[in-house]
Amino acid sequence: MKNHDIVSAFKKSSASGATENDCVEVALTADGGRAIRDSKNPDAGTQFYTPTEWAAFLTGVKAGEFDN
């Protein structure tokens, strides 16, 4: 199994609502990182983040680093 192998189904945020399609979807990768894709165009490509990168992102979100 490679690090970028996707090992879970893609899921989108429950905050986007059941009928909304303008969201990102996240899946778990074999190395514990995450795969991210656009829910309205999933075939456009997937971005991959290592566990360390994903943890840093979540820390930033929780700290409000991305708030306007």
C-alpha atoms as a PDB file:
ATOM      1  CA  MET A   1       0.000   0.000   0.000  1.00  0.00           C
ATOM      2  CA  LYS A   2       1.342   3.436  -0.919  1.00  0.00           C
ATOM      3  CA  ASN A   3       1.088   6.549   1.288  1.00  0.00           C
ATOM      4  CA  HIS A   4      -1.341   8.189  -1.130  1.00  0.00           C
ATOM      5  CA  ASP A   5      -3.675   5.219  -1.336  1.00  0.00           C
ATOM      6  CA  ILE A   6      -7.120   6.384  -0.272  1.00  0.00           C
ATOM      7  CA  VAL A   7      -8.436   4.007   2.389  1.00  0.00           C
ATOM      8  CA  SER A   8     -11.812   5.567   3.229  1.00  0.00           C
ATOM      9  CA  ALA A   9     -14.769   7.034   1.421  1.00  0.00           C
ATOM     10  CA  PHE A  10     -14.680  10.754   0.671  1.00  0.00           C
ATOM     11  CA  LYS A  11     -16.882  12.741   3.054  1.00  0.00           C
ATOM     12  CA  LYS A  12     -17.968  16.366   2.962  1.00  0.00           C
ATOM     13  CA  SER A  13     -18.688  18.597   5.900  1.00  0.00           C
ATOM     14  CA  SER A  14     -22.101  18.285   7.493  1.00  0.00           C
ATOM     15  CA  ALA A  15     -22.096  22.103   7.574  1.00  0.00           C
ATOM     16  CA  SER A  16     -22.464  22.116   3.787  1.00  0.00           C
ATOM     17  CA  GLY A  17     -25.960  20.641   4.017  1.00  0.00           C
ATOM     18  CA  ALA A  18     -27.423  17.575   2.375  1.00  0.00           C
ATOM     19  CA  THR A  19     -28.125  19.196  -0.996  1.00  0.00           C
ATOM     20  CA  GLU A  20     -25.195  21.605  -1.272  1.00  0.00           C
ATOM     21  CA  ASN A  21     -22.449  20.680  -3.703  1.00  0.00           C
ATOM     22  CA  ASP A  22     -20.023  23.582  -3.224  1.00  0.00           C
ATOM     23  CA  CYS A  23     -17.726  21.969  -0.734  1.00  0.00           C
ATOM     24  CA  VAL A  24     -14.548  19.978  -0.405  1.00  0.00           C
ATOM     25  CA  GLU A  25     -14.500  16.302   0.406  1.00  0.00           C
ATOM     26  CA  VAL A  26     -11.913  14.629   2.628  1.00  0.00           C
ATOM     27  CA  ALA A  27     -10.734  11.011   2.754  1.00  0.00           C
ATOM     28  CA  LEU A  28      -8.157   9.175   4.855  1.00  0.00           C
ATOM     29  CA  THR A  29      -4.946   7.984   3.199  1.00  0.00           C
ATOM     30  CA  ALA A  30      -2.874   4.915   4.031  1.00  0.00           C
ATOM     31  CA  ASP A  31      -0.241   6.925   5.906  1.00  0.00           C
ATOM     32  CA  GLY A  32      -2.833   8.679   8.102  1.00  0.00           C
ATOM     33  CA  GLY A  33      -2.844  11.811   5.963  1.00  0.00           C
ATOM     34  CA  ARG A  34      -5.765  13.194   4.006  1.00  0.00           C
ATOM     35  CA  ALA A  35      -6.882  13.416   0.391  1.00  0.00           C
ATOM     36  CA  ILE A  36      -8.941  16.483  -0.569  1.00  0.00           C
ATOM     37  CA  ARG A  37     -11.090  17.040  -3.669  1.00  0.00           C
ATOM     38  CA  ASP A  38     -13.758  19.434  -4.927  1.00  0.00           C
ATOM     39  CA  SER A  39     -17.225  17.921  -4.443  1.00  0.00           C
ATOM     40  CA  LYS A  40     -18.672  19.591  -7.536  1.00  0.00           C
ATOM     41  CA  ASN A  41     -15.831  18.365  -9.760  1.00  0.00           C
ATOM     42  CA  PRO A  42     -14.233  15.290  -8.147  1.00  0.00           C
ATOM     43  CA  ASP A  43     -12.489  14.238 -11.355  1.00  0.00           C
ATOM     44  CA  ALA A  44     -10.530  17.503 -11.543  1.00  0.00           C
ATOM     45  CA  GLY A  45      -7.845  16.185  -9.224  1.00  0.00           C
ATOM     46  CA  THR A  46      -7.014  15.344  -5.651  1.00  0.00           C
ATOM     47  CA  GLN A  47      -4.612  17.051  -3.258  1.00  0.00           C
ATOM     48  CA  PHE A  48      -2.753  14.945  -0.697  1.00  0.00           C
ATOM     49  CA  TYR A  49      -1.509  16.052   2.716  1.00  0.00           C
ATOM     50  CA  THR A  50       0.765  14.175   5.102  1.00  0.00           C
ATOM     51  CA  PRO A  51      -0.362  13.571   8.687  1.00  0.00           C
ATOM     52  CA  THR A  52       1.931  16.406   9.834  1.00  0.00           C
ATOM     53  CA  GLU A  53       0.543  18.845   7.266  1.00  0.00           C
ATOM     54  CA  TRP A  54      -3.034  17.907   8.148  1.00  0.00           C
ATOM     55  CA  ALA A  55      -2.360  18.329  11.878  1.00  0.00           C
ATOM     56  CA  ALA A  56      -0.842  21.775  11.246  1.00  0.00           C
ATOM     57  CA  PHE A  57      -3.889  22.769   9.202  1.00  0.00           C
ATOM     58  CA  LEU A  58      -6.297  21.660  11.948  1.00  0.00           C
ATOM     59  CA  THR A  59      -4.251  23.501  14.575  1.00  0.00           C
ATOM     60  CA  GLY A  60      -4.483  26.658  12.455  1.00  0.00           C
ATOM     61  CA  VAL A  61      -8.241  26.268  12.024  1.00  0.00           C
ATOM     62  CA  LYS A  62      -8.764  25.810  15.764  1.00  0.00           C
ATOM     63  CA  ALA A  63      -6.560  28.840  16.481  1.00  0.00           C
ATOM     64  CA  GLY A  64      -8.569  31.015  14.104  1.00  0.00           C
ATOM     65  CA  GLU A  65      -5.670  31.599  11.718  1.00  0.00           C
ATOM     66  CA  PHE A  66      -8.015  31.509   8.723  1.00  0.00           C
ATOM     67  CA  ASP A  67     -10.771  33.690  10.140  1.00  0.00           C
ATOM     68  CA  ASN A  68     -11.375  37.037   8.490  1.00  0.00           C
END
